[in-house]
């Protein structure tokens, strides 16, 4: 997460612990995109959809969680 922040890159992960690091421990990040669905063959299309709909939010430092039937956005503090 520190590397992605230094490089100003959005971190894409399946691991919810990154959200904990960002929210509870207030570690800096340049945007987090967390995927919940387990189907690997859907990941690419869900990432593209999230970037299209919430790319500006991510660039502003939001945490975006993508589930099969919804996308949640937590704006930066």
N, C-alpha and C. Protein backbone atom coordinates (compact mmCIF):
# COMPACT_ATOMS: atom_id res chain seq x y z
N UNK A 1 0.82 -1.17 0.00
CA UNK A 1 0.00 0.00 0.00
C UNK A 1 0.88 1.25 0.00
N UNK A 2 1.98 1.21 0.74
CA UNK A 2 2.89 2.36 0.77
C UNK A 2 3.50 2.61 -0.61
N UNK A 3 3.87 1.53 -1.29
CA UNK A 3 4.45 1.67 -2.63
C UNK A 3 3.43 2.29 -3.59
N UNK A 4 2.20 1.78 -3.56
CA UNK A 4 1.15 2.32 -4.43
C UNK A 4 0.91 3.80 -4.13
N UNK A 5 0.94 4.17 -2.86
CA UNK A 5 0.75 5.58 -2.49
C UNK A 5 1.89 6.44 -3.03
N UNK A 6 3.12 5.98 -2.84
CA UNK A 6 4.28 6.76 -3.34
C UNK A 6 4.22 6.93 -4.85
N UNK A 7 3.76 5.90 -5.54
CA UNK A 7 3.68 5.93 -7.00
C UNK A 7 2.37 6.55 -7.51
N UNK A 8 1.49 6.95 -6.58
CA UNK A 8 0.18 7.53 -6.91
C UNK A 8 -0.63 6.57 -7.79
N UNK A 9 -0.68 5.30 -7.34
CA UNK A 9 -1.40 4.25 -8.06
C UNK A 9 -2.56 3.75 -7.23
N UNK A 10 -3.65 3.43 -7.90
CA UNK A 10 -4.80 2.83 -7.25
C UNK A 10 -4.46 1.37 -6.96
N UNK A 11 -4.74 0.93 -5.75
CA UNK A 11 -4.47 -0.44 -5.36
C UNK A 11 -5.73 -1.27 -5.56
N UNK A 12 -5.63 -2.33 -6.36
CA UNK A 12 -6.74 -3.25 -6.60
C UNK A 12 -6.46 -4.52 -5.81
N UNK A 13 -7.45 -4.94 -5.00
CA UNK A 13 -7.22 -6.07 -4.10
C UNK A 13 -8.49 -6.86 -3.86
N UNK A 14 -8.32 -8.08 -3.40
CA UNK A 14 -9.42 -8.91 -2.91
C UNK A 14 -9.44 -8.88 -1.38
N UNK A 15 -8.43 -8.33 -0.77
CA UNK A 15 -8.20 -8.39 0.67
C UNK A 15 -8.82 -7.19 1.39
N UNK A 16 -9.77 -7.43 2.29
CA UNK A 16 -10.42 -6.34 2.99
C UNK A 16 -9.52 -5.70 4.04
N UNK A 17 -8.41 -6.32 4.37
CA UNK A 17 -7.49 -5.75 5.35
C UNK A 17 -6.91 -4.41 4.90
N UNK A 18 -6.82 -4.18 3.60
CA UNK A 18 -6.32 -2.89 3.12
C UNK A 18 -7.28 -1.76 3.52
N UNK A 19 -8.57 -2.04 3.50
CA UNK A 19 -9.54 -1.05 3.95
C UNK A 19 -9.36 -0.74 5.41
N UNK A 20 -9.08 -1.76 6.21
CA UNK A 20 -8.82 -1.56 7.63
C UNK A 20 -7.58 -0.68 7.83
N UNK A 21 -6.55 -0.95 7.07
CA UNK A 21 -5.33 -0.13 7.17
C UNK A 21 -5.62 1.33 6.82
N UNK A 22 -6.43 1.53 5.80
CA UNK A 22 -6.72 2.89 5.34
C UNK A 22 -7.66 3.63 6.29
N UNK A 23 -8.68 2.94 6.79
CA UNK A 23 -9.70 3.61 7.59
C UNK A 23 -9.33 3.66 9.07
N UNK A 24 -9.06 2.53 9.65
CA UNK A 24 -8.80 2.50 11.10
C UNK A 24 -7.40 2.95 11.48
N UNK A 25 -6.44 2.57 10.66
CA UNK A 25 -5.05 2.94 10.98
C UNK A 25 -4.60 4.18 10.24
N UNK A 26 -5.50 4.70 9.38
CA UNK A 26 -5.30 5.95 8.67
C UNK A 26 -4.00 5.98 7.85
N UNK A 27 -3.65 4.84 7.28
CA UNK A 27 -2.48 4.81 6.41
C UNK A 27 -2.84 5.45 5.08
N UNK A 28 -1.95 6.27 4.54
CA UNK A 28 -2.26 6.97 3.29
C UNK A 28 -2.35 6.00 2.11
N UNK A 29 -3.20 6.37 1.16
CA UNK A 29 -3.34 5.59 -0.06
C UNK A 29 -3.78 6.52 -1.17
N UNK A 30 -3.63 6.05 -2.39
CA UNK A 30 -4.02 6.85 -3.57
C UNK A 30 -5.28 6.29 -4.20
N UNK A 31 -6.09 5.61 -3.40
CA UNK A 31 -7.33 5.00 -3.87
C UNK A 31 -7.25 3.50 -3.76
N UNK A 32 -8.31 2.89 -3.22
CA UNK A 32 -8.38 1.44 -3.08
C UNK A 32 -9.60 0.93 -3.81
N UNK A 33 -9.41 -0.11 -4.59
CA UNK A 33 -10.51 -0.77 -5.30
C UNK A 33 -10.51 -2.22 -4.85
N UNK A 34 -11.54 -2.58 -4.05
CA UNK A 34 -11.62 -3.94 -3.51
C UNK A 34 -12.71 -4.72 -4.21
N UNK A 35 -12.34 -5.90 -4.66
CA UNK A 35 -13.29 -6.80 -5.33
C UNK A 35 -13.77 -7.84 -4.34
N UNK A 36 -15.08 -8.05 -4.29
CA UNK A 36 -15.65 -9.04 -3.39
C UNK A 36 -15.97 -10.35 -4.11
N UNK A 37 -16.44 -10.33 -5.35
CA UNK A 37 -16.85 -11.60 -5.96
C UNK A 37 -15.67 -12.55 -6.17
N UNK A 38 -15.93 -13.82 -5.91
CA UNK A 38 -14.84 -14.80 -6.04
C UNK A 38 -14.58 -15.25 -7.47
N UNK A 39 -15.46 -14.95 -8.41
CA UNK A 39 -15.31 -15.46 -9.78
C UNK A 39 -14.21 -14.68 -10.52
N UNK A 40 -13.10 -15.30 -10.70
CA UNK A 40 -11.95 -14.65 -11.33
C UNK A 40 -12.28 -14.15 -12.73
N UNK A 41 -13.10 -14.87 -13.47
CA UNK A 41 -13.41 -14.47 -14.84
C UNK A 41 -14.23 -13.18 -14.90
N UNK A 42 -14.79 -12.71 -13.80
CA UNK A 42 -15.56 -11.46 -13.75
C UNK A 42 -14.72 -10.27 -13.29
N UNK A 43 -13.54 -10.51 -12.74
CA UNK A 43 -12.75 -9.43 -12.16
C UNK A 43 -12.45 -8.32 -13.15
N UNK A 44 -11.98 -8.64 -14.32
CA UNK A 44 -11.58 -7.61 -15.29
C UNK A 44 -12.76 -6.71 -15.65
N UNK A 45 -13.92 -7.30 -15.94
CA UNK A 45 -15.06 -6.47 -16.32
C UNK A 45 -15.55 -5.62 -15.15
N UNK A 46 -15.49 -6.15 -13.93
CA UNK A 46 -15.91 -5.38 -12.77
C UNK A 46 -14.95 -4.23 -12.48
N UNK A 47 -13.67 -4.47 -12.66
CA UNK A 47 -12.68 -3.41 -12.48
C UNK A 47 -12.91 -2.29 -13.50
N UNK A 48 -13.10 -2.66 -14.74
CA UNK A 48 -13.35 -1.66 -15.78
C UNK A 48 -14.61 -0.85 -15.50
N UNK A 49 -15.66 -1.53 -15.05
CA UNK A 49 -16.91 -0.83 -14.72
C UNK A 49 -16.69 0.15 -13.57
N UNK A 50 -15.99 -0.30 -12.54
CA UNK A 50 -15.73 0.57 -11.39
C UNK A 50 -14.88 1.77 -11.79
N UNK A 51 -13.88 1.56 -12.62
CA UNK A 51 -13.04 2.67 -13.06
C UNK A 51 -13.83 3.66 -13.91
N UNK A 52 -14.71 3.15 -14.75
CA UNK A 52 -15.53 4.02 -15.58
C UNK A 52 -16.48 4.86 -14.73
N UNK A 53 -17.10 4.24 -13.75
CA UNK A 53 -18.09 4.94 -12.93
C UNK A 53 -17.48 5.77 -11.82
N UNK A 54 -16.35 5.32 -11.26
CA UNK A 54 -15.81 5.95 -10.06
C UNK A 54 -14.31 6.24 -10.14
N UNK A 55 -13.79 6.36 -11.35
CA UNK A 55 -12.37 6.66 -11.51
C UNK A 55 -11.97 7.95 -10.84
N UNK A 56 -12.79 8.99 -10.97
CA UNK A 56 -12.46 10.27 -10.32
C UNK A 56 -12.48 10.14 -8.80
N UNK A 57 -13.43 9.36 -8.27
CA UNK A 57 -13.47 9.13 -6.82
C UNK A 57 -12.20 8.43 -6.36
N UNK A 58 -11.78 7.42 -7.10
CA UNK A 58 -10.57 6.69 -6.75
C UNK A 58 -9.35 7.61 -6.78
N UNK A 59 -9.25 8.41 -7.82
CA UNK A 59 -8.11 9.33 -7.92
C UNK A 59 -8.09 10.35 -6.79
N UNK A 60 -9.26 10.62 -6.21
CA UNK A 60 -9.34 11.54 -5.09
C UNK A 60 -9.06 10.85 -3.75
N UNK A 61 -8.85 9.50 -3.79
CA UNK A 61 -8.50 8.76 -2.58
C UNK A 61 -9.64 7.99 -1.96
N UNK A 62 -10.70 7.73 -2.70
CA UNK A 62 -11.83 6.95 -2.18
C UNK A 62 -11.48 5.48 -2.08
N UNK A 63 -12.27 4.78 -1.27
CA UNK A 63 -12.22 3.32 -1.22
C UNK A 63 -13.48 2.84 -1.91
N UNK A 64 -13.32 2.07 -2.98
CA UNK A 64 -14.44 1.58 -3.76
C UNK A 64 -14.48 0.05 -3.61
N UNK A 65 -15.63 -0.44 -3.16
CA UNK A 65 -15.82 -1.88 -2.99
C UNK A 65 -16.80 -2.36 -4.05
N UNK A 66 -16.38 -3.33 -4.84
CA UNK A 66 -17.18 -3.84 -5.94
C UNK A 66 -17.71 -5.22 -5.59
N UNK A 67 -19.02 -5.34 -5.55
CA UNK A 67 -19.67 -6.62 -5.36
C UNK A 67 -20.40 -6.96 -6.65
N UNK A 68 -20.89 -8.16 -6.75
CA UNK A 68 -21.55 -8.59 -7.98
C UNK A 68 -22.72 -7.69 -8.36
N UNK A 69 -23.48 -7.24 -7.37
CA UNK A 69 -24.71 -6.49 -7.65
C UNK A 69 -24.68 -5.03 -7.20
N UNK A 70 -23.55 -4.54 -6.69
CA UNK A 70 -23.48 -3.14 -6.28
C UNK A 70 -22.03 -2.69 -6.14
N UNK A 71 -21.88 -1.37 -6.13
CA UNK A 71 -20.58 -0.73 -5.91
C UNK A 71 -20.76 0.26 -4.77
N UNK A 72 -19.92 0.16 -3.74
CA UNK A 72 -19.97 1.10 -2.62
C UNK A 72 -18.75 2.01 -2.69
N UNK A 73 -18.95 3.28 -2.40
CA UNK A 73 -17.87 4.26 -2.43
C UNK A 73 -17.76 4.92 -1.08
N UNK A 74 -16.57 4.83 -0.49
CA UNK A 74 -16.28 5.56 0.75
C UNK A 74 -15.36 6.71 0.36
N UNK A 75 -15.87 7.94 0.43
CA UNK A 75 -15.05 9.08 0.04
C UNK A 75 -13.86 9.23 0.97
N UNK A 76 -12.82 9.91 0.52
CA UNK A 76 -11.68 10.15 1.39
C UNK A 76 -12.08 11.05 2.56
N UNK A 77 -11.38 10.91 3.67
CA UNK A 77 -11.66 11.75 4.84
C UNK A 77 -11.31 13.19 4.58
